[in-house]
C-alpha atoms as a PDB file:
ATOM      1  CA  MET A   1     113.193 110.852 131.604  1.00  0.00           C
ATOM      2  CA  ALA A   2     114.532 114.391 132.076  1.00  0.00           C
ATOM      3  CA  VAL A   3     115.636 113.612 135.635  1.00  0.00           C
ATOM      4  CA  PHE A   4     117.321 110.403 134.484  1.00  0.00           C
ATOM      5  CA  CYS A   5     119.198 112.188 131.680  1.00  0.00           C
ATOM      6  CA  GLU A   6     120.320 114.927 134.048  1.00  0.00           C
ATOM      7  CA  ALA A   7     121.589 112.378 136.582  1.00  0.00           C
ATOM      8  CA  MET A   8     123.407 110.474 133.830  1.00  0.00           C
ATOM      9  CA  ALA A   9     125.033 113.703 132.619  1.00  0.00           C
ATOM     10  CA  ALA A  10     126.209 114.427 136.169  1.00  0.00           C
ATOM     11  CA  ASP A  11     127.709 110.926 136.447  1.00  0.00           C
ATOM     12  CA  LEU A  12     129.478 111.249 133.091  1.00  0.00           C
ATOM     13  CA  LEU A  13     130.873 114.600 134.157  1.00  0.00           C
ATOM     14  CA  GLY A  14     132.169 113.072 137.386  1.00  0.00           C
ATOM     15  CA  ILE A  15     133.887 110.261 135.475  1.00  0.00           C
ATOM     16  CA  THR A  16     135.409 112.743 133.030  1.00  0.00           C
ATOM     17  CA  ALA A  17     136.630 114.980 135.859  1.00  0.00           C
ATOM     18  CA  ILE A  18     138.633 112.077 137.297  1.00  0.00           C
ATOM     19  CA  SER A  19     140.455 111.225 134.067  1.00  0.00           C
ATOM     20  CA  TYR A  20     140.675 114.620 132.384  1.00  0.00           C
ATOM     21  CA  ASN A  21     140.703 118.307 133.220  1.00  0.00           C
ATOM     22  CA  THR A  22     137.235 119.635 134.059  1.00  0.00           C
ATOM     23  CA  GLY A  23     138.047 123.060 132.684  1.00  0.00           C
ATOM     24  CA  THR A  24     138.918 121.640 129.277  1.00  0.00           C
ATOM     25  CA  LEU A  25     135.558 119.883 129.102  1.00  0.00           C
ATOM     26  CA  LEU A  26     133.558 122.926 130.232  1.00  0.00           C
ATOM     27  CA  ARG A  27     135.395 125.222 127.820  1.00  0.00           C
ATOM     28  CA  SER A  28     134.769 122.966 124.822  1.00  0.00           C
ATOM     29  CA  VAL A  29     132.371 124.404 122.255  1.00  0.00           C
ATOM     30  CA  ASP A  30     129.599 122.910 120.156  1.00  0.00           C
ATOM     31  CA  SER A  31     128.797 123.412 116.476  1.00  0.00           C
ATOM     32  CA  GLN A  32     127.446 126.904 117.246  1.00  0.00           C
ATOM     33  CA  ASN A  33     130.691 127.907 119.002  1.00  0.00           C
ATOM     34  CA  GLN A  34     128.917 127.965 122.376  1.00  0.00           C
ATOM     35  CA  PRO A  35     130.859 126.700 125.432  1.00  0.00           C
ATOM     36  CA  PHE A  36     129.597 123.570 127.137  1.00  0.00           C
ATOM     37  CA  LEU A  37     129.200 125.413 130.437  1.00  0.00           C
ATOM     38  CA  ASP A  38     126.913 127.984 128.805  1.00  0.00           C
ATOM     39  CA  VAL A  39     124.825 125.140 127.384  1.00  0.00           C
ATOM     40  CA  LEU A  40     124.428 123.618 130.850  1.00  0.00           C
ATOM     41  CA  ILE A  41     123.359 126.952 132.330  1.00  0.00           C
ATOM     42  CA  GLU A  42     121.006 127.777 129.466  1.00  0.00           C
ATOM     43  CA  LEU A  43     119.302 124.373 129.691  1.00  0.00           C
ATOM     44  CA  GLN A  44     119.106 124.734 133.502  1.00  0.00           C
ATOM     45  CA  GLN A  45     120.961 121.506 134.231  1.00  0.00           C
ATOM     46  CA  LYS A  46     121.130 122.218 137.953  1.00  0.00           C
ATOM     47  CA  GLU A  47     122.417 118.795 138.992  1.00  0.00           C
ATOM     48  CA  VAL A  48     125.302 119.005 136.542  1.00  0.00           C
ATOM     49  CA  VAL A  49     126.218 122.589 137.425  1.00  0.00           C
ATOM     50  CA  ALA A  50     126.030 121.722 141.142  1.00  0.00           C
ATOM     51  CA  HIS A  51     128.613 118.947 140.693  1.00  0.00           C
ATOM     52  CA  PRO A  52     131.662 119.588 142.938  1.00  0.00           C
ATOM     53  CA  ALA A  53     134.016 119.523 139.955  1.00  0.00           C
ATOM     54  CA  VAL A  54     132.007 122.227 138.172  1.00  0.00           C
ATOM     55  CA  GLN A  55     131.712 124.314 141.334  1.00  0.00           C
ATOM     56  CA  LYS A  56     135.462 124.120 141.929  1.00  0.00           C
ATOM     57  CA  TYR A  57     136.101 125.190 138.349  1.00  0.00           C
ATOM     58  CA  LEU A  58     133.681 128.110 138.691  1.00  0.00           C
ATOM     59  CA  THR A  59     135.277 129.171 141.984  1.00  0.00           C
ATOM     60  CA  ASP A  60     138.752 129.132 140.453  1.00  0.00           C
ATOM     61  CA  LEU A  61     137.454 131.004 137.430  1.00  0.00           C
ATOM     62  CA  TRP A  62     135.694 133.567 139.641  1.00  0.00           C
ATOM     63  CA  MET A  63     138.731 134.273 141.820  1.00  0.00           C
ATOM     64  CA  GLY A  64     141.258 134.044 138.997  1.00  0.00           C
ATOM     65  CA  SER A  65     144.796 133.861 140.295  1.00  0.00           C
ATOM     66  CA  LEU A  66     143.952 135.749 143.487  1.00  0.00           C
ATOM     67  CA  GLN A  67     144.368 133.909 146.771  1.00  0.00           C
ATOM     68  CA  TRP A  68     143.098 136.726 148.959  1.00  0.00           C
ATOM     69  CA  ALA A  69     141.142 136.406 152.160  1.00  0.00           C
ATOM     70  CA  SER A  70     137.611 137.764 152.427  1.00  0.00           C
ATOM     71  CA  TRP A  71     138.687 140.790 154.450  1.00  0.00           C
ATOM     72  CA  LYS A  72     141.084 141.829 151.680  1.00  0.00           C
ATOM     73  CA  MET A  73     138.267 141.675 149.123  1.00  0.00           C
ATOM     74  CA  SER A  74     136.042 143.753 151.394  1.00  0.00           C
ATOM     75  CA  LEU A  75     138.827 146.273 151.930  1.00  0.00           C
ATOM     76  CA  MET A  76     139.337 146.594 148.173  1.00  0.00           C
ATOM     77  CA  PHE A  77     135.620 147.149 147.637  1.00  0.00           C
ATOM     78  CA  LEU A  78     135.597 149.893 150.285  1.00  0.00           C
ATOM     79  CA  SER A  79     138.655 151.490 148.699  1.00  0.00           C
ATOM     80  CA  PHE A  80     136.783 151.600 145.380  1.00  0.00           C
ATOM     81  CA  LEU A  81     133.936 153.483 147.076  1.00  0.00           C
ATOM     82  CA  VAL A  82     136.070 155.852 149.130  1.00  0.00           C
ATOM     83  CA  CYS A  83     138.677 156.635 146.470  1.00  0.00           C
ATOM     84  CA  PRO A  84     137.270 156.681 142.924  1.00  0.00           C
ATOM     85  CA  LEU A  85     140.806 156.953 141.532  1.00  0.00           C
ATOM     86  CA  ILE A  86     141.515 153.404 142.736  1.00  0.00           C
ATOM     87  CA  TRP A  87     138.280 152.247 141.120  1.00  0.00           C
ATOM     88  CA  ILE A  88     139.267 153.903 137.826  1.00  0.00           C
ATOM     89  CA  ALA A  89     142.749 152.368 137.966  1.00  0.00           C
ATOM     90  CA  PHE A  90     141.357 148.858 138.432  1.00  0.00           C
ATOM     91  CA  SER A  91     138.577 149.318 135.861  1.00  0.00           C
ATOM     92  CA  LEU A  92     140.535 150.678 132.909  1.00  0.00           C
ATOM     93  CA  PRO A  93     142.694 148.366 130.770  1.00  0.00           C
ATOM     94  CA  LEU A  94     146.031 149.777 131.893  1.00  0.00           C
ATOM     95  CA  GLY A  95     148.002 146.591 131.281  1.00  0.00           C
ATOM     96  CA  HIS A  96     147.622 144.981 134.728  1.00  0.00           C
ATOM     97  CA  ARG A  97     146.108 141.553 135.311  1.00  0.00           C
ATOM     98  CA  PHE A  98     143.236 142.685 137.529  1.00  0.00           C
ATOM     99  CA  THR A  99     141.021 143.756 134.622  1.00  0.00           C
ATOM    100  CA  SER A 100     140.663 140.122 133.515  1.00  0.00           C
ATOM    101  CA  ILE A 101     139.706 138.713 136.939  1.00  0.00           C
ATOM    102  CA  PRO A 102     135.916 138.225 137.178  1.00  0.00           C
ATOM    103  CA  ILE A 103     135.532 139.185 140.839  1.00  0.00           C
ATOM    104  CA  ILE A 104     137.438 142.445 140.285  1.00  0.00           C
ATOM    105  CA  LYS A 105     135.316 143.209 137.228  1.00  0.00           C
ATOM    106  CA  PHE A 106     132.187 142.457 139.259  1.00  0.00           C
ATOM    107  CA  MET A 107     133.215 144.862 142.014  1.00  0.00           C
ATOM    108  CA  SER A 108     134.035 147.508 139.409  1.00  0.00           C
ATOM    109  CA  TYR A 109     130.597 147.146 137.817  1.00  0.00           C
ATOM    110  CA  LEU A 110     128.890 147.275 141.220  1.00  0.00           C
ATOM    111  CA  VAL A 111     130.778 150.391 142.321  1.00  0.00           C
ATOM    112  CA  SER A 112     130.058 151.979 138.941  1.00  0.00           C
ATOM    113  CA  HIS A 113     126.353 151.290 139.463  1.00  0.00           C
ATOM    114  CA  ILE A 114     126.473 152.858 142.939  1.00  0.00           C
ATOM    115  CA  PHE A 115     128.227 155.961 141.601  1.00  0.00           C
ATOM    116  CA  PHE A 116     125.629 156.208 138.826  1.00  0.00           C
ATOM    117  CA  ILE A 117     122.852 156.160 141.440  1.00  0.00           C
ATOM    118  CA  LEU A 118     124.602 158.900 143.421  1.00  0.00           C
ATOM    119  CA  LEU A 119     124.992 160.973 140.263  1.00  0.00           C
ATOM    120  CA  LEU A 120     121.302 160.591 139.381  1.00  0.00           C
ATOM    121  CA  SER A 121     120.305 161.476 142.944  1.00  0.00           C
ATOM    122  CA  PHE A 122     122.488 164.581 142.937  1.00  0.00           C
ATOM    123  CA  THR A 123     120.956 165.663 139.618  1.00  0.00           C
ATOM    124  CA  ILE A 124     117.258 165.278 140.434  1.00  0.00           C
ATOM    125  CA  VAL A 125     117.175 165.525 144.245  1.00  0.00           C
ATOM    126  CA  ASN A 126     119.402 168.510 144.834  1.00  0.00           C
ATOM    127  CA  PRO A 127     118.011 171.229 147.149  1.00  0.00           C
ATOM    128  CA  TRP A 128     121.064 173.429 146.526  1.00  0.00           C
ATOM    129  CA  LEU A 129     120.305 173.755 142.799  1.00  0.00           C
ATOM    130  CA  PRO A 130     116.574 174.468 142.362  1.00  0.00           C
ATOM    131  CA  LEU A 131     115.139 174.325 138.876  1.00  0.00           C
ATOM    132  CA  TRP A 132     114.364 178.043 138.726  1.00  0.00           C
ATOM    133  CA  ASN A 133     118.119 178.686 138.786  1.00  0.00           C
ATOM    134  CA  SER A 134     118.658 176.487 135.708  1.00  0.00           C
ATOM    135  CA  THR A 135     116.644 178.409 133.120  1.00  0.00           C
ATOM    136  CA  HIS A 136     119.845 179.224 131.191  1.00  0.00           C
ATOM    137  CA  LEU A 137     119.869 175.489 130.247  1.00  0.00           C
ATOM    138  CA  ILE A 138     123.653 175.332 130.286  1.00  0.00           C
ATOM    139  CA  PRO A 139     124.381 171.963 131.939  1.00  0.00           C
ATOM    140  CA  TYR A 140     126.266 171.930 135.201  1.00  0.00           C
ATOM    141  CA  VAL A 141     129.343 169.784 135.718  1.00  0.00           C
ATOM    142  CA  HIS A 142     127.373 166.881 137.182  1.00  0.00           C
ATOM    143  CA  GLU A 143     124.923 167.023 134.256  1.00  0.00           C
ATOM    144  CA  TRP A 144     127.774 166.808 131.742  1.00  0.00           C
ATOM    145  CA  LEU A 145     129.136 163.885 133.741  1.00  0.00           C
ATOM    146  CA  LEU A 146     125.723 162.199 133.626  1.00  0.00           C
ATOM    147  CA  LEU A 147     125.622 162.588 129.840  1.00  0.00           C
ATOM    148  CA  ILE A 148     129.097 161.065 129.483  1.00  0.00           C
ATOM    149  CA  TRP A 149     128.092 158.250 131.840  1.00  0.00           C
ATOM    150  CA  LEU A 150     125.014 157.395 129.764  1.00  0.00           C
ATOM    151  CA  ILE A 151     127.080 157.352 126.578  1.00  0.00           C
ATOM    152  CA  GLY A 152     129.518 155.007 128.291  1.00  0.00           C
ATOM    153  CA  LEU A 153     126.670 152.705 129.325  1.00  0.00           C
ATOM    154  CA  TRP A 154     125.426 152.523 125.727  1.00  0.00           C
ATOM    155  CA  VAL A 155     128.924 151.730 124.470  1.00  0.00           C
ATOM    156  CA  SER A 156     129.388 149.089 127.167  1.00  0.00           C
ATOM    157  CA  ASP A 157     126.050 147.485 126.333  1.00  0.00           C
ATOM    158  CA  ALA A 158     126.928 147.361 122.640  1.00  0.00           C
ATOM    159  CA  THR A 159     130.367 145.807 123.164  1.00  0.00           C
ATOM    160  CA  ASN A 160     129.699 143.365 126.029  1.00  0.00           C
ATOM    161  CA  PRO A 161     127.697 140.101 125.845  1.00  0.00           C
ATOM    162  CA  LYS A 162     123.989 140.459 126.544  1.00  0.00           C
ATOM    163  CA  ASP A 163     122.256 138.927 129.547  1.00  0.00           C
ATOM    164  CA  ARG A 164     120.160 136.224 127.930  1.00  0.00           C
ATOM    165  CA  GLU A 165     117.898 135.679 130.921  1.00  0.00           C
ATOM    166  CA  GLY A 166     116.932 137.298 134.189  1.00  0.00           C
ATOM    167  CA  LEU A 167     116.534 141.037 134.667  1.00  0.00           C
ATOM    168  CA  GLY A 168     119.162 142.117 132.155  1.00  0.00           C
ATOM    169  CA  PHE A 169     116.572 144.059 130.176  1.00  0.00           C
ATOM    170  CA  ILE A 170     116.258 146.552 133.045  1.00  0.00           C
ATOM    171  CA  LYS A 171     119.631 148.056 132.167  1.00  0.00           C
ATOM    172  CA  VAL A 172     118.429 148.799 128.634  1.00  0.00           C
ATOM    173  CA  ILE A 173     115.279 150.430 130.021  1.00  0.00           C
ATOM    174  CA  ILE A 174     117.394 152.554 132.384  1.00  0.00           C
ATOM    175  CA  MET A 175     119.575 153.787 129.536  1.00  0.00           C
ATOM    176  CA  THR A 176     116.554 154.448 127.301  1.00  0.00           C
ATOM    177  CA  VAL A 177     114.646 156.410 129.946  1.00  0.00           C
ATOM    178  CA  GLY A 178     117.797 158.336 130.895  1.00  0.00           C
ATOM    179  CA  SER A 179     118.397 159.213 127.248  1.00  0.00           C
ATOM    180  CA  MET A 180     114.810 160.451 127.005  1.00  0.00           C
ATOM    181  CA  GLY A 181     115.544 162.739 129.947  1.00  0.00           C
ATOM    182  CA  ILE A 182     118.632 164.122 128.192  1.00  0.00           C
ATOM    183  CA  ALA A 183     116.595 164.625 125.010  1.00  0.00           C
ATOM    184  CA  THR A 184     113.971 166.547 127.002  1.00  0.00           C
ATOM    185  CA  HIS A 185     116.701 168.849 128.318  1.00  0.00           C
ATOM    186  CA  VAL A 186     117.846 169.500 124.734  1.00  0.00           C
ATOM    187  CA  LEU A 187     114.235 170.092 123.674  1.00  0.00           C
ATOM    188  CA  ALA A 188     113.973 172.899 126.229  1.00  0.00           C
ATOM    189  CA  PHE A 189     116.273 175.054 124.060  1.00  0.00           C
ATOM    190  CA  VAL A 190     113.426 175.334 121.531  1.00  0.00           C
ATOM    191  CA  PHE A 191     111.078 177.157 123.907  1.00  0.00           C
ATOM    192  CA  PRO A 192     111.668 180.894 124.393  1.00  0.00           C
ATOM    193  CA  ASP A 193     109.611 181.446 127.567  1.00  0.00           C
ATOM    194  CA  GLU A 194     110.875 180.585 131.016  1.00  0.00           C
ATOM    195  CA  HIS A 195     107.723 178.697 132.048  1.00  0.00           C
ATOM    196  CA  SER A 196     108.050 176.128 129.258  1.00  0.00           C
ATOM    197  CA  VAL A 197     111.743 175.702 130.017  1.00  0.00           C
ATOM    198  CA  LEU A 198     111.013 174.929 133.665  1.00  0.00           C
ATOM    199  CA  VAL A 199     108.319 172.437 132.646  1.00  0.00           C
ATOM    200  CA  CYS A 200     110.810 170.676 130.353  1.00  0.00           C
ATOM    201  CA  LEU A 201     113.366 170.503 133.150  1.00  0.00           C
ATOM    202  CA  TYR A 202     110.723 169.078 135.463  1.00  0.00           C
ATOM    203  CA  VAL A 203     109.795 166.423 132.880  1.00  0.00           C
ATOM    204  CA  ARG A 204     113.495 165.643 132.468  1.00  0.00           C
ATOM    205  CA  ASN A 205     113.786 165.032 136.197  1.00  0.00           C
ATOM    206  CA  GLN A 206     110.790 162.689 136.075  1.00  0.00           C
ATOM    207  CA  PHE A 207     112.466 160.581 133.386  1.00  0.00           C
ATOM    208  CA  LEU A 208     115.647 160.470 135.432  1.00  0.00           C
ATOM    209  CA  ALA A 209     113.621 159.590 138.545  1.00  0.00           C
ATOM    210  CA  VAL A 210     112.200 156.540 136.748  1.00  0.00           C
ATOM    211  CA  ALA A 211     115.740 155.555 135.773  1.00  0.00           C
ATOM    212  CA  LEU A 212     116.821 156.009 139.399  1.00  0.00           C
ATOM    213  CA  LEU A 213     114.016 153.747 140.609  1.00  0.00           C
ATOM    214  CA  LEU A 214     114.957 151.044 138.107  1.00  0.00           C
ATOM    215  CA  CYS A 215     118.596 151.319 139.181  1.00  0.00           C
ATOM    216  CA  PHE A 216     117.611 150.041 142.609  1.00  0.00           C
ATOM    217  CA  VAL A 217     115.704 147.177 140.974  1.00  0.00           C
ATOM    218  CA  GLU A 218     118.856 146.305 139.039  1.00  0.00           C
ATOM    219  CA  PHE A 219     120.581 145.544 142.339  1.00  0.00           C
ATOM    220  CA  LEU A 220     118.776 142.199 142.103  1.00  0.00           C
ATOM    221  CA  ASN A 221     121.085 141.293 139.227  1.00  0.00           C
ATOM    222  CA  PHE A 222     124.132 141.926 141.392  1.00  0.00           C
ATOM    223  CA  LEU A 223     122.674 139.961 144.301  1.00  0.00           C
ATOM    224  CA  THR A 224     122.363 136.824 142.167  1.00  0.00           C
ATOM    225  CA  PHE A 225     126.109 136.271 142.711  1.00  0.00           C
ATOM    226  CA  HIS A 226     125.650 136.087 146.485  1.00  0.00           C
ATOM    227  CA  HIS A 227     125.221 132.637 148.007  1.00  0.00           C
ATOM    228  CA  LEU A 228     122.493 133.869 150.382  1.00  0.00           C
ATOM    229  CA  PHE A 229     120.647 136.495 148.357  1.00  0.00           C
ATOM    230  CA  GLY A 230     121.019 134.685 145.036  1.00  0.00           C
ATOM    231  CA  PRO A 231     118.127 132.225 145.589  1.00  0.00           C
ATOM    232  CA  TRP A 232     115.934 135.063 146.861  1.00  0.00           C
ATOM    233  CA  THR A 233     116.694 137.050 143.734  1.00  0.00           C
ATOM    234  CA  VAL A 234     115.718 134.133 141.515  1.00  0.00           C
ATOM    235  CA  ILE A 235     112.461 133.772 143.448  1.00  0.00           C
ATOM    236  CA  ILE A 236     111.726 137.507 143.174  1.00  0.00           C
ATOM    237  CA  ARG A 237     112.509 137.393 139.451  1.00  0.00           C
ATOM    238  CA  ASP A 238     109.996 134.566 138.978  1.00  0.00           C
ATOM    239  CA  LEU A 239     107.448 136.461 141.073  1.00  0.00           C
ATOM    240  CA  ILE A 240     107.837 139.489 138.810  1.00  0.00           C
ATOM    241  CA  LYS A 241     107.086 137.306 135.788  1.00  0.00           C
ATOM    242  CA  ASP A 242     103.951 135.959 137.493  1.00  0.00           C
ATOM    243  CA  LEU A 243     102.971 139.505 138.432  1.00  0.00           C
ATOM    244  CA  MET A 244     103.272 140.668 134.814  1.00  0.00           C
ATOM    245  CA  ARG A 245     100.978 137.857 133.671  1.00  0.00           C
ATOM    246  CA  PHE A 246      98.535 138.722 136.432  1.00  0.00           C
ATOM    247  CA  LEU A 247      98.543 142.419 135.496  1.00  0.00           C
ATOM    248  CA  ALA A 248      97.756 141.512 131.895  1.00  0.00           C
ATOM    249  CA  ILE A 249      94.675 139.554 132.998  1.00  0.00           C
ATOM    250  CA  LEU A 250      93.686 142.274 135.469  1.00  0.00           C
ATOM    251  CA  GLY A 251      94.044 144.940 132.770  1.00  0.00           C
ATOM    252  CA  ILE A 252      91.572 143.089 130.547  1.00  0.00           C
ATOM    253  CA  PHE A 253      88.934 143.097 133.281  1.00  0.00           C
ATOM    254  CA  LEU A 254      89.676 146.709 134.262  1.00  0.00           C
ATOM    255  CA  VAL A 255      89.212 148.016 130.722  1.00  0.00           C
ATOM    256  CA  GLY A 256      86.036 145.994 130.202  1.00  0.00           C
ATOM    257  CA  PHE A 257      84.390 147.087 133.458  1.00  0.00           C
ATOM    258  CA  SER A 258      85.536 150.703 132.925  1.00  0.00           C
ATOM    259  CA  LEU A 259      83.722 150.919 129.588  1.00  0.00           C
ATOM    260  CA  HIS A 260      80.673 149.198 131.075  1.00  0.00           C
ATOM    261  CA  LEU A 261      80.460 151.727 133.921  1.00  0.00           C
ATOM    262  CA  CYS A 262      80.910 154.567 131.415  1.00  0.00           C
ATOM    263  CA  ALA A 263      77.775 153.355 129.657  1.00  0.00           C
ATOM    264  CA  ILE A 264      75.917 153.287 132.989  1.00  0.00           C
ATOM    265  CA  TYR A 265      77.075 156.796 133.938  1.00  0.00           C
ATOM    266  CA  GLN A 266      76.183 158.298 130.559  1.00  0.00           C
ATOM    267  CA  PRO A 267      73.739 161.241 131.092  1.00  0.00           C
ATOM    268  CA  VAL A 268      70.220 160.559 129.831  1.00  0.00           C
ATOM    269  CA  PHE A 269      68.134 163.586 130.804  1.00  0.00           C
ATOM    270  CA  LEU A 270      68.793 167.263 130.093  1.00  0.00           C
ATOM    271  CA  PRO A 271      69.631 169.195 133.285  1.00  0.00           C
ATOM    272  CA  GLN A 272      66.730 171.321 134.501  1.00  0.00           C
ATOM    273  CA  GLY A 273      67.093 175.047 133.884  1.00  0.00           C
ATOM    274  CA  ALA A 274      69.922 174.676 131.387  1.00  0.00           C
ATOM    275  CA  ASP A 275      69.948 175.016 127.625  1.00  0.00           C
ATOM    276  CA  ASN A 276      73.175 173.056 127.172  1.00  0.00           C
ATOM    277  CA  LEU A 277      74.968 170.056 128.589  1.00  0.00           C
ATOM    278  CA  THR A 278      77.549 171.966 130.635  1.00  0.00           C
ATOM    279  CA  LEU A 279      75.949 170.740 133.863  1.00  0.00           C
ATOM    280  CA  ALA A 280      75.871 167.126 132.736  1.00  0.00           C
ATOM    281  CA  VAL A 281      78.303 164.830 134.484  1.00  0.00           C
ATOM    282  CA  PHE A 282      80.022 162.440 132.081  1.00  0.00           C
ATOM    283  CA  GLN A 283      82.309 159.864 133.658  1.00  0.00           C
ATOM    284  CA  SER A 284      85.113 159.431 131.121  1.00  0.00           C
ATOM    285  CA  PRO A 285      86.757 156.013 130.642  1.00  0.00           C
ATOM    286  CA  ILE A 286      90.011 157.306 132.133  1.00  0.00           C
ATOM    287  CA  ASN A 287      88.288 158.559 135.295  1.00  0.00           C
ATOM    288  CA  THR A 288      86.320 155.332 135.552  1.00  0.00           C
ATOM    289  CA  PHE A 289      89.495 153.274 135.144  1.00  0.00           C
ATOM    290  CA  GLU A 290      91.128 155.297 137.918  1.00  0.00           C
ATOM    291  CA  MET A 291      88.104 154.798 140.175  1.00  0.00           C
ATOM    292  CA  LEU A 292      88.058 151.025 139.622  1.00  0.00           C
ATOM    293  CA  PHE A 293      91.807 150.758 140.154  1.00  0.00           C
ATOM    294  CA  PHE A 294      91.663 152.400 143.579  1.00  0.00           C
ATOM    295  CA  ALA A 295      88.582 150.334 144.387  1.00  0.00           C
ATOM    296  CA  LEU A 296      90.905 147.314 144.493  1.00  0.00           C
ATOM    297  CA  PHE A 297      92.405 148.752 147.684  1.00  0.00           C
ATOM    298  CA  GLY A 298      89.076 149.567 149.331  1.00  0.00           C
ATOM    299  CA  LEU A 299      89.261 153.317 148.670  1.00  0.00           C
ATOM    300  CA  VAL A 300      85.931 153.519 146.787  1.00  0.00           C
ATOM    301  CA  GLU A 301      82.480 152.691 148.161  1.00  0.00           C
ATOM    302  CA  PRO A 302      79.245 152.391 146.134  1.00  0.00           C
ATOM    303  CA  ASP A 303      77.443 155.082 148.167  1.00  0.00           C
ATOM    304  CA  PHE A 304      80.202 157.643 147.533  1.00  0.00           C
ATOM    305  CA  MET A 305      80.561 157.141 143.794  1.00  0.00           C
ATOM    306  CA  PRO A 306      79.832 159.942 141.258  1.00  0.00           C
ATOM    307  CA  PRO A 307      76.188 161.162 141.151  1.00  0.00           C
ATOM    308  CA  MET A 308      73.667 159.680 138.726  1.00  0.00           C
ATOM    309  CA  HIS A 309      70.928 162.347 138.884  1.00  0.00           C
ATOM    310  CA  LEU A 310      70.714 162.540 135.086  1.00  0.00           C
ATOM    311  CA  SER A 311      70.067 158.805 134.682  1.00  0.00           C
ATOM    312  CA  PRO A 312      66.971 156.656 135.348  1.00  0.00           C
ATOM    313  CA  ALA A 313      66.284 155.630 138.931  1.00  0.00           C
ATOM    314  CA  PHE A 314      67.128 151.978 138.332  1.00  0.00           C
ATOM    315  CA  SER A 315      70.573 152.860 136.935  1.00  0.00           C
ATOM    316  CA  LYS A 316      72.018 153.012 140.453  1.00  0.00           C
ATOM    317  CA  ALA A 317      70.934 149.424 141.053  1.00  0.00           C
ATOM    318  CA  ILE A 318      72.611 148.374 137.800  1.00  0.00           C
ATOM    319  CA  MET A 319      75.747 150.224 138.848  1.00  0.00           C
ATOM    320  CA  LYS A 320      75.863 148.436 142.221  1.00  0.00           C
ATOM    321  CA  VAL A 321      75.384 145.039 140.586  1.00  0.00           C
ATOM    322  CA  VAL A 322      78.153 145.645 138.044  1.00  0.00           C
ATOM    323  CA  PHE A 323      80.460 147.124 140.686  1.00  0.00           C
ATOM    324  CA  GLY A 324      79.799 144.154 142.978  1.00  0.00           C
ATOM    325  CA  ILE A 325      80.602 141.684 140.197  1.00  0.00           C
ATOM    326  CA  TYR A 326      83.792 143.614 139.463  1.00  0.00           C
ATOM    327  CA  MET A 327      84.913 143.499 143.092  1.00  0.00           C
ATOM    328  CA  MET A 328      84.078 139.799 143.348  1.00  0.00           C
ATOM    329  CA  VAL A 329      85.969 138.912 140.166  1.00  0.00           C
ATOM    330  CA  THR A 330      89.049 141.031 140.831  1.00  0.00           C
ATOM    331  CA  VAL A 331      89.492 140.825 144.593  1.00  0.00           C
ATOM    332  CA  ILE A 332      88.247 137.300 145.281  1.00  0.00           C
ATOM    333  CA  VAL A 333      89.168 135.455 142.090  1.00  0.00           C
ATOM    334  CA  LEU A 334      92.124 137.283 140.536  1.00  0.00           C
ATOM    335  CA  ILE A 335      93.923 138.248 143.756  1.00  0.00           C
ATOM    336  CA  ASN A 336      93.675 134.680 145.040  1.00  0.00           C
ATOM    337  CA  LEU A 337      94.920 133.490 141.651  1.00  0.00           C
ATOM    338  CA  LEU A 338      97.976 135.718 142.078  1.00  0.00           C
ATOM    339  CA  ILE A 339      98.582 134.324 145.571  1.00  0.00           C
ATOM    340  CA  ALA A 340      98.328 130.769 144.219  1.00  0.00           C
ATOM    341  CA  MET A 341     100.769 131.553 141.399  1.00  0.00           C
ATOM    342  CA  MET A 342     103.282 133.054 143.821  1.00  0.00           C
ATOM    343  CA  SER A 343     102.859 130.198 146.297  1.00  0.00           C
ATOM    344  CA  ASN A 344     103.642 127.744 143.537  1.00  0.00           C
END
């Protein structure tokens, strides 16, 4: 029924495109003031959106009034990268018509993202400005620029429409983590000793490093506009969703087996020649979780696991049985489940 309705909608659109203007139909709004084109995209009506009339309308809308060849577009993009003044002139609302053309706005956003990555890299991976020379905590020029850039990103996110699907949430995470890094830098003013200040600056760089990593992931959002990389990006986006579901299931088993192994490794007997438990080896849940996590990659073997000299003799057999069940469930069952989900 869904396929039939979608095909009928495509036929009706084709008939309407012959008699009327396609743009007028796609710009019409419903009772919630939502354009018809947005409804088609939100409901994933692929056959309707793939109609030649819709594609021609989207192409005209994307290019605006520009009739430039591809090499001119590429040359403009390179000029944005080489000369930031040109990028600023085309990005700011200075009264020219280029600020309202979608492809120009897209190139401006992409170049802005590249410059933001370069600014983050210069801030956290800068061998010419080691951290021990920054104990005065007065921000350098590039750090002030990074602060202004983050404020601009927050303002842009608050004033522009939100990405209702896809990886649009990554931008919010980038801004949040970057703001946490700035807050850590401000927090360093509270500490009087130089050691604590350097630790705060190091933690700040780690927050900014996470933001830098996510900035490269956000390139997937820009690639969705490309006719070759777009389908790959959609596939990768769906794979990430499957991976998140898989990690949730894997986390349940990891926590359960970690606590079980903690009970097995719990010391039973008092160490010989000692009046206290300082010699007792207690495998904490965090250490056990770490051990089981790396066991997924074959880095842990049963014969080289922590000693059990303070437990009964049969405890090692119990440990091997539980560890074997864990490896069978996670590696054989869950990993193959992930492969099946991704193959689908």
